[in-house]
Amino acid sequence: MGIYDGLKDIVAFIQESGNVELLQRFTALQTDVMGLIEKNNELMSANSNLKKELE
């Protein structure tokens, strides 16, 4: 199970609990996590390109 699938499972669980405040907070956290993953991928790509330039 990937990160995205895990996050979806947690959202489903929170929705079933009916806790709206927790769902809102988790949704914001989920957005932050996805942004960090995207930024990490960008940095890894840039790092790879820089390594190739050094060769």
C-alpha atoms as a PDB file:
ATOM      1  CA  MET A   1       0.000   0.000   0.000  1.00  0.00           C
ATOM      2  CA  GLY A   2       1.387   3.369  -1.005  1.00  0.00           C
ATOM      3  CA  ILE A   3       1.162   6.631   0.869  1.00  0.00           C
ATOM      4  CA  TYR A   4      -1.782   7.836  -1.204  1.00  0.00           C
ATOM      5  CA  ASP A   5      -3.772   4.649  -0.560  1.00  0.00           C
ATOM      6  CA  GLY A   6      -3.034   4.875   3.152  1.00  0.00           C
ATOM      7  CA  LEU A   7      -4.229   8.471   3.272  1.00  0.00           C
ATOM      8  CA  LYS A   8      -7.431   7.526   1.432  1.00  0.00           C
ATOM      9  CA  ASP A   9      -8.098   4.748   3.957  1.00  0.00           C
ATOM     10  CA  ILE A  10      -7.663   7.163   6.856  1.00  0.00           C
ATOM     11  CA  VAL A  11     -10.038   9.674   5.254  1.00  0.00           C
ATOM     12  CA  ALA A  12     -12.647   6.935   4.813  1.00  0.00           C
ATOM     13  CA  PHE A  13     -12.276   5.929   8.465  1.00  0.00           C
ATOM     14  CA  ILE A  14     -12.616   9.534   9.671  1.00  0.00           C
ATOM     15  CA  GLN A  15     -15.682  10.073   7.455  1.00  0.00           C
ATOM     16  CA  GLU A  16     -17.304   7.002   9.004  1.00  0.00           C
ATOM     17  CA  SER A  17     -16.623   8.393  12.477  1.00  0.00           C
ATOM     18  CA  GLY A  18     -18.517  11.587  11.635  1.00  0.00           C
ATOM     19  CA  ASN A  19     -15.863  13.828  13.182  1.00  0.00           C
ATOM     20  CA  VAL A  20     -16.005  16.838  10.821  1.00  0.00           C
ATOM     21  CA  GLU A  21     -13.277  18.830  12.587  1.00  0.00           C
ATOM     22  CA  LEU A  22     -10.859  15.890  12.444  1.00  0.00           C
ATOM     23  CA  LEU A  23     -11.670  15.344   8.767  1.00  0.00           C
ATOM     24  CA  GLN A  24     -10.939  19.012   7.988  1.00  0.00           C
ATOM     25  CA  ARG A  25      -7.642  18.899   9.872  1.00  0.00           C
ATOM     26  CA  PHE A  26      -6.609  15.650   8.232  1.00  0.00           C
ATOM     27  CA  THR A  27      -7.541  16.925   4.774  1.00  0.00           C
ATOM     28  CA  ALA A  28      -5.262  19.928   5.321  1.00  0.00           C
ATOM     29  CA  LEU A  29      -2.502  17.596   6.497  1.00  0.00           C
ATOM     30  CA  GLN A  30      -3.047  15.358   3.478  1.00  0.00           C
ATOM     31  CA  THR A  31      -2.618  18.372   1.181  1.00  0.00           C
ATOM     32  CA  ASP A  32       0.628  19.267   2.943  1.00  0.00           C
ATOM     33  CA  VAL A  33       1.938  15.703   2.661  1.00  0.00           C
ATOM     34  CA  MET A  34       1.150  15.523  -1.051  1.00  0.00           C
ATOM     35  CA  GLY A  35       2.914  18.868  -1.564  1.00  0.00           C
ATOM     36  CA  LEU A  36       5.987  17.617   0.271  1.00  0.00           C
ATOM     37  CA  ILE A  37       6.047  14.444  -1.808  1.00  0.00           C
ATOM     38  CA  GLU A  38       5.860  16.505  -4.989  1.00  0.00           C
ATOM     39  CA  LYS A  39       8.641  18.830  -3.808  1.00  0.00           C
ATOM     40  CA  ASN A  40      10.782  15.835  -2.828  1.00  0.00           C
ATOM     41  CA  ASN A  41      10.344  14.346  -6.293  1.00  0.00           C
ATOM     42  CA  GLU A  42      11.373  17.654  -7.878  1.00  0.00           C
ATOM     43  CA  LEU A  43      14.472  17.864  -5.706  1.00  0.00           C
ATOM     44  CA  MET A  44      15.427  14.265  -6.432  1.00  0.00           C
ATOM     45  CA  SER A  45      15.121  14.945 -10.148  1.00  0.00           C
ATOM     46  CA  ALA A  46      17.216  18.115  -9.898  1.00  0.00           C
ATOM     47  CA  ASN A  47      19.822  16.232  -7.858  1.00  0.00           C
ATOM     48  CA  SER A  48      19.963  13.486 -10.468  1.00  0.00           C
ATOM     49  CA  ASN A  49      20.443  16.031 -13.245  1.00  0.00           C
ATOM     50  CA  LEU A  50      23.262  17.737 -11.335  1.00  0.00           C
ATOM     51  CA  LYS A  51      24.979  14.397 -10.765  1.00  0.00           C
ATOM     52  CA  LYS A  52      24.822  13.683 -14.491  1.00  0.00           C
ATOM     53  CA  GLU A  53      26.428  17.060 -15.200  1.00  0.00           C
ATOM     54  CA  LEU A  54      29.338  16.177 -12.930  1.00  0.00           C
ATOM     55  CA  GLU A  55      30.101  12.993 -14.833  1.00  0.00           C
END
